[in-house]
N, C-alpha and C. Protein backbone atom coordinates (compact mmCIF):
# COMPACT_ATOMS: atom_id res chain seq x y z
N UNK A 1 36.65 22.93 -24.32
CA UNK A 1 35.47 23.51 -24.91
C UNK A 1 34.33 22.49 -24.92
N UNK A 2 34.66 21.25 -25.25
CA UNK A 2 33.62 20.22 -25.28
C UNK A 2 33.08 19.96 -23.88
N UNK A 3 33.94 20.02 -22.89
CA UNK A 3 33.50 19.77 -21.52
C UNK A 3 32.54 20.86 -21.05
N UNK A 4 32.84 22.12 -21.36
CA UNK A 4 31.96 23.22 -20.97
C UNK A 4 30.61 23.11 -21.66
N UNK A 5 30.61 22.72 -22.92
CA UNK A 5 29.36 22.55 -23.66
C UNK A 5 28.53 21.41 -23.08
N UNK A 6 29.18 20.31 -22.73
CA UNK A 6 28.49 19.17 -22.14
C UNK A 6 27.89 19.54 -20.78
N UNK A 7 28.64 20.25 -19.97
CA UNK A 7 28.15 20.67 -18.66
C UNK A 7 26.96 21.61 -18.81
N UNK A 8 27.04 22.54 -19.75
CA UNK A 8 25.94 23.48 -19.97
C UNK A 8 24.68 22.76 -20.44
N UNK A 9 24.84 21.77 -21.34
CA UNK A 9 23.68 21.01 -21.82
C UNK A 9 23.07 20.18 -20.70
N UNK A 10 23.89 19.54 -19.88
CA UNK A 10 23.37 18.75 -18.77
C UNK A 10 22.65 19.63 -17.75
N UNK A 11 23.22 20.78 -17.43
CA UNK A 11 22.58 21.68 -16.47
C UNK A 11 21.24 22.19 -17.01
N UNK A 12 21.20 22.54 -18.29
CA UNK A 12 19.95 23.00 -18.89
C UNK A 12 18.91 21.89 -18.90
N UNK A 13 19.32 20.68 -19.21
CA UNK A 13 18.38 19.55 -19.22
C UNK A 13 17.84 19.26 -17.84
N UNK A 14 18.69 19.29 -16.83
CA UNK A 14 18.23 19.04 -15.46
C UNK A 14 17.30 20.14 -14.96
N UNK A 15 17.58 21.38 -15.34
CA UNK A 15 16.70 22.48 -14.93
C UNK A 15 15.33 22.39 -15.59
N UNK A 16 15.30 21.97 -16.85
CA UNK A 16 14.00 21.87 -17.52
C UNK A 16 13.21 20.67 -17.01
N UNK A 17 13.88 19.61 -16.59
CA UNK A 17 13.16 18.48 -16.03
C UNK A 17 12.59 18.79 -14.66
N UNK A 18 13.20 19.73 -13.95
CA UNK A 18 12.74 20.07 -12.62
C UNK A 18 11.53 20.99 -12.61
N UNK A 19 11.22 21.61 -13.73
CA UNK A 19 10.09 22.53 -13.79
C UNK A 19 8.79 21.76 -13.93
N UNK A 20 7.71 22.19 -13.25
CA UNK A 20 6.42 21.51 -13.39
C UNK A 20 5.83 21.75 -14.77
N UNK A 21 5.13 20.75 -15.27
CA UNK A 21 4.51 20.86 -16.59
C UNK A 21 3.32 21.80 -16.50
N UNK A 22 3.16 22.66 -17.50
CA UNK A 22 2.05 23.60 -17.52
C UNK A 22 1.25 23.38 -18.79
N UNK A 23 -0.05 23.36 -18.65
CA UNK A 23 -0.92 23.17 -19.81
C UNK A 23 -1.13 24.50 -20.51
N UNK A 24 -1.50 24.44 -21.79
CA UNK A 24 -1.74 25.65 -22.56
C UNK A 24 -2.97 26.39 -22.06
N UNK A 25 -3.97 25.67 -21.63
CA UNK A 25 -5.19 26.28 -21.13
C UNK A 25 -5.82 25.37 -20.09
N UNK A 26 -6.88 25.84 -19.50
CA UNK A 26 -7.55 24.99 -18.53
C UNK A 26 -8.47 24.03 -19.26
N UNK A 27 -8.34 22.73 -19.02
CA UNK A 27 -9.17 21.76 -19.72
C UNK A 27 -10.59 21.77 -19.16
N UNK A 28 -11.53 21.61 -20.05
CA UNK A 28 -12.92 21.51 -19.62
C UNK A 28 -13.32 20.05 -19.66
N UNK A 29 -14.01 19.62 -18.63
CA UNK A 29 -14.42 18.22 -18.54
C UNK A 29 -15.93 18.14 -18.51
N UNK A 30 -16.44 17.08 -19.07
CA UNK A 30 -17.87 16.85 -19.05
C UNK A 30 -18.26 16.33 -17.68
N UNK A 31 -19.50 16.58 -17.25
CA UNK A 31 -19.92 16.06 -15.95
C UNK A 31 -19.87 14.54 -15.95
N UNK A 32 -19.32 14.00 -14.88
CA UNK A 32 -19.17 12.54 -14.81
C UNK A 32 -20.34 11.94 -14.04
N UNK A 33 -20.55 10.66 -14.29
CA UNK A 33 -21.62 9.94 -13.65
C UNK A 33 -21.13 9.10 -12.48
N UNK A 34 -19.87 9.35 -12.07
CA UNK A 34 -19.31 8.54 -11.00
C UNK A 34 -19.94 8.87 -9.65
N UNK A 35 -20.38 10.11 -9.47
CA UNK A 35 -20.99 10.47 -8.19
C UNK A 35 -22.28 9.68 -7.96
N UNK A 36 -23.09 9.56 -9.01
CA UNK A 36 -24.33 8.81 -8.84
C UNK A 36 -24.04 7.32 -8.67
N UNK A 37 -22.99 6.82 -9.32
CA UNK A 37 -22.62 5.41 -9.19
C UNK A 37 -22.14 5.12 -7.77
N UNK A 38 -21.34 6.05 -7.22
CA UNK A 38 -20.81 5.86 -5.87
C UNK A 38 -21.92 5.89 -4.83
N UNK A 39 -22.94 6.69 -5.06
CA UNK A 39 -24.01 6.75 -4.07
C UNK A 39 -24.86 5.48 -4.10
N UNK A 40 -24.98 4.84 -5.25
CA UNK A 40 -25.76 3.61 -5.34
C UNK A 40 -24.98 2.39 -4.91
N UNK A 41 -23.65 2.38 -5.13
CA UNK A 41 -22.81 1.22 -4.83
C UNK A 41 -21.69 1.66 -3.89
N UNK A 42 -21.82 1.43 -2.60
CA UNK A 42 -20.74 1.83 -1.69
C UNK A 42 -19.47 1.03 -1.96
N UNK A 43 -18.34 1.65 -1.68
CA UNK A 43 -17.04 1.00 -1.93
C UNK A 43 -16.83 -0.16 -0.96
N UNK A 44 -16.21 -1.20 -1.46
CA UNK A 44 -15.88 -2.35 -0.61
C UNK A 44 -14.65 -2.05 0.19
N UNK A 45 -14.65 -2.49 1.41
CA UNK A 45 -13.49 -2.29 2.26
C UNK A 45 -12.67 -3.57 2.29
N UNK A 46 -11.37 -3.42 2.15
CA UNK A 46 -10.46 -4.55 2.18
C UNK A 46 -9.88 -4.64 3.58
N UNK A 47 -10.04 -5.78 4.22
CA UNK A 47 -9.54 -5.98 5.57
C UNK A 47 -8.24 -6.77 5.52
N UNK A 48 -7.22 -6.23 6.21
CA UNK A 48 -5.95 -6.94 6.32
C UNK A 48 -5.86 -7.56 7.70
N UNK A 49 -5.15 -8.66 7.80
CA UNK A 49 -4.96 -9.25 9.13
C UNK A 49 -4.24 -8.26 10.05
N UNK A 50 -4.54 -8.33 11.34
CA UNK A 50 -4.00 -7.37 12.29
C UNK A 50 -2.49 -7.51 12.47
N UNK A 51 -1.93 -8.69 12.31
CA UNK A 51 -0.52 -8.92 12.56
C UNK A 51 0.40 -8.43 11.45
N UNK A 52 -0.10 -8.23 10.25
CA UNK A 52 0.74 -7.83 9.13
C UNK A 52 0.74 -6.32 8.98
N UNK A 53 1.90 -5.75 8.78
CA UNK A 53 2.00 -4.32 8.53
C UNK A 53 2.80 -4.11 7.24
N UNK A 54 2.54 -3.00 6.60
CA UNK A 54 3.23 -2.69 5.37
C UNK A 54 4.65 -2.22 5.69
N UNK A 55 5.66 -2.71 4.98
CA UNK A 55 7.01 -2.22 5.21
C UNK A 55 7.13 -0.78 4.72
N UNK A 56 7.85 0.05 5.47
CA UNK A 56 8.02 1.44 5.06
C UNK A 56 9.27 1.54 4.19
N UNK A 57 9.13 2.26 3.10
CA UNK A 57 10.22 2.46 2.15
C UNK A 57 10.71 3.89 2.31
N UNK A 58 12.01 4.06 2.46
CA UNK A 58 12.57 5.39 2.60
C UNK A 58 13.87 5.47 1.81
N UNK A 59 14.44 6.63 1.78
CA UNK A 59 15.68 6.84 1.06
C UNK A 59 15.56 7.99 0.08
N UNK A 60 16.64 8.28 -0.59
CA UNK A 60 16.70 9.40 -1.51
C UNK A 60 15.81 9.17 -2.73
N UNK A 61 15.86 7.99 -3.31
CA UNK A 61 15.11 7.71 -4.54
C UNK A 61 13.60 7.73 -4.29
N UNK A 62 13.05 7.03 -3.29
CA UNK A 62 11.60 7.12 -3.07
C UNK A 62 11.14 8.52 -2.68
N UNK A 63 11.95 9.24 -1.91
CA UNK A 63 11.58 10.60 -1.54
C UNK A 63 11.55 11.52 -2.75
N UNK A 64 12.48 11.33 -3.68
CA UNK A 64 12.48 12.12 -4.90
C UNK A 64 11.27 11.84 -5.77
N UNK A 65 10.85 10.58 -5.79
CA UNK A 65 9.67 10.21 -6.59
C UNK A 65 8.41 10.75 -5.93
N UNK A 66 8.30 10.63 -4.61
CA UNK A 66 7.10 11.08 -3.90
C UNK A 66 7.00 12.60 -3.84
N UNK A 67 8.13 13.28 -3.81
CA UNK A 67 8.12 14.73 -3.63
C UNK A 67 7.61 15.49 -4.82
N UNK A 68 7.69 14.95 -6.00
CA UNK A 68 7.20 15.62 -7.19
C UNK A 68 8.27 16.39 -7.94
N UNK A 69 9.21 16.99 -7.25
CA UNK A 69 10.27 17.75 -7.88
C UNK A 69 11.59 17.35 -7.25
N UNK A 70 12.27 16.34 -7.80
CA UNK A 70 13.48 15.82 -7.15
C UNK A 70 14.63 16.81 -7.10
N UNK A 71 14.65 17.82 -7.95
CA UNK A 71 15.74 18.79 -7.90
C UNK A 71 15.65 19.68 -6.67
N UNK A 72 14.49 19.77 -6.04
CA UNK A 72 14.37 20.56 -4.82
C UNK A 72 15.16 19.93 -3.68
N UNK A 73 15.48 18.65 -3.77
CA UNK A 73 16.29 18.01 -2.74
C UNK A 73 17.72 18.55 -2.74
N UNK A 74 18.16 19.14 -3.84
CA UNK A 74 19.50 19.72 -3.93
C UNK A 74 19.50 21.20 -3.56
N UNK A 75 18.31 21.80 -3.49
CA UNK A 75 18.17 23.21 -3.21
C UNK A 75 18.27 23.46 -1.70
N UNK A 76 19.27 24.24 -1.25
CA UNK A 76 19.38 24.50 0.19
C UNK A 76 18.27 25.41 0.72
N UNK A 77 17.57 26.14 -0.16
CA UNK A 77 16.50 27.04 0.24
C UNK A 77 15.12 26.47 -0.07
N UNK A 78 15.03 25.15 -0.21
CA UNK A 78 13.77 24.49 -0.54
C UNK A 78 12.81 24.58 0.65
N UNK A 79 11.50 24.50 0.38
CA UNK A 79 10.53 24.52 1.48
C UNK A 79 10.69 23.31 2.40
N UNK A 80 10.11 23.39 3.58
CA UNK A 80 10.26 22.35 4.59
C UNK A 80 9.62 21.03 4.19
N UNK A 81 8.68 21.05 3.26
CA UNK A 81 8.01 19.80 2.88
C UNK A 81 8.95 18.82 2.18
N UNK A 82 10.09 19.30 1.70
CA UNK A 82 11.06 18.41 1.05
C UNK A 82 11.99 17.76 2.05
N UNK A 83 11.93 18.13 3.33
CA UNK A 83 12.72 17.47 4.36
C UNK A 83 14.12 18.05 4.50
N UNK A 84 14.90 17.40 5.35
CA UNK A 84 16.27 17.84 5.59
C UNK A 84 17.24 16.75 5.14
N UNK A 85 18.51 17.08 5.16
CA UNK A 85 19.52 16.11 4.75
C UNK A 85 19.66 14.98 5.75
N UNK A 86 19.31 15.23 7.01
CA UNK A 86 19.44 14.20 8.04
C UNK A 86 18.46 13.06 7.87
N UNK A 87 17.42 13.24 7.06
CA UNK A 87 16.42 12.20 6.87
C UNK A 87 16.96 10.98 6.12
N UNK A 88 17.95 11.16 5.26
CA UNK A 88 18.39 10.08 4.39
C UNK A 88 19.88 9.80 4.47
N UNK A 89 20.47 10.00 5.63
CA UNK A 89 21.87 9.65 5.81
C UNK A 89 21.98 8.64 6.95
N UNK A 90 23.02 7.85 6.90
CA UNK A 90 23.26 6.90 8.00
C UNK A 90 24.42 7.45 8.83
N UNK A 91 24.24 7.40 10.15
CA UNK A 91 25.23 7.94 11.06
C UNK A 91 26.11 6.82 11.61
N UNK A 92 27.34 7.16 11.92
CA UNK A 92 28.29 6.22 12.50
C UNK A 92 27.92 6.00 13.97
N UNK A 93 27.66 4.75 14.39
CA UNK A 93 27.25 4.52 15.78
C UNK A 93 28.37 4.77 16.80
N UNK A 94 29.61 4.69 16.37
CA UNK A 94 30.73 4.88 17.29
C UNK A 94 31.05 6.36 17.52
N UNK A 95 30.84 7.19 16.48
CA UNK A 95 31.14 8.62 16.58
C UNK A 95 29.83 9.38 16.42
N UNK A 96 29.30 9.97 17.49
CA UNK A 96 28.02 10.67 17.37
C UNK A 96 28.12 11.87 16.44
N UNK A 97 27.15 11.99 15.54
CA UNK A 97 27.09 13.12 14.63
C UNK A 97 27.87 12.93 13.35
N UNK A 98 28.67 11.87 13.21
CA UNK A 98 29.44 11.67 11.99
C UNK A 98 28.60 10.88 10.99
N UNK A 99 28.52 11.40 9.78
CA UNK A 99 27.74 10.76 8.73
C UNK A 99 28.56 9.63 8.12
N UNK A 100 27.90 8.47 7.93
CA UNK A 100 28.57 7.30 7.38
C UNK A 100 28.30 7.15 5.89
N UNK A 101 27.12 7.55 5.43
CA UNK A 101 26.78 7.40 4.01
C UNK A 101 25.37 7.88 3.73
N UNK A 102 24.96 7.75 2.48
CA UNK A 102 23.63 8.17 2.02
C UNK A 102 22.77 6.93 1.80
N UNK A 103 21.53 6.96 2.28
CA UNK A 103 20.57 5.87 2.04
C UNK A 103 19.82 6.16 0.74
N UNK A 104 20.19 5.46 -0.32
CA UNK A 104 19.49 5.65 -1.59
C UNK A 104 18.13 4.95 -1.56
N UNK A 105 18.08 3.76 -0.97
CA UNK A 105 16.83 2.99 -0.93
C UNK A 105 16.91 2.09 0.28
N UNK A 106 15.95 2.20 1.19
CA UNK A 106 15.94 1.34 2.36
C UNK A 106 14.51 0.92 2.68
N UNK A 107 14.35 -0.31 3.19
CA UNK A 107 13.06 -0.87 3.55
C UNK A 107 13.12 -1.23 5.02
N UNK A 108 12.16 -0.73 5.81
CA UNK A 108 12.09 -1.04 7.24
C UNK A 108 10.88 -1.92 7.49
N UNK A 109 11.05 -2.96 8.30
CA UNK A 109 9.95 -3.86 8.60
C UNK A 109 9.40 -3.57 9.97
């Protein structure tokens, strides 16, 4: 009985965390003065050396953070913007098509 109650509470908690937050009403904002500031002061551009590139971060955890709704990664009927399962698995080089494991966090240089 305790196990069923614990599973039900965990499932309910995960489902509520997966839902987008909704405001009670549409917020009204005062007109900002940033447009006039931007027109008077152009933004500075930061130049990076040509030889350095940013390392790309991939894996299940960064994709869940970037996607906005990490529970959609478990949904088999999720939209295409959440990607496929092949994006974050490592394949066995000796056996084509055999999955070796899940990439939780990986950095490529």
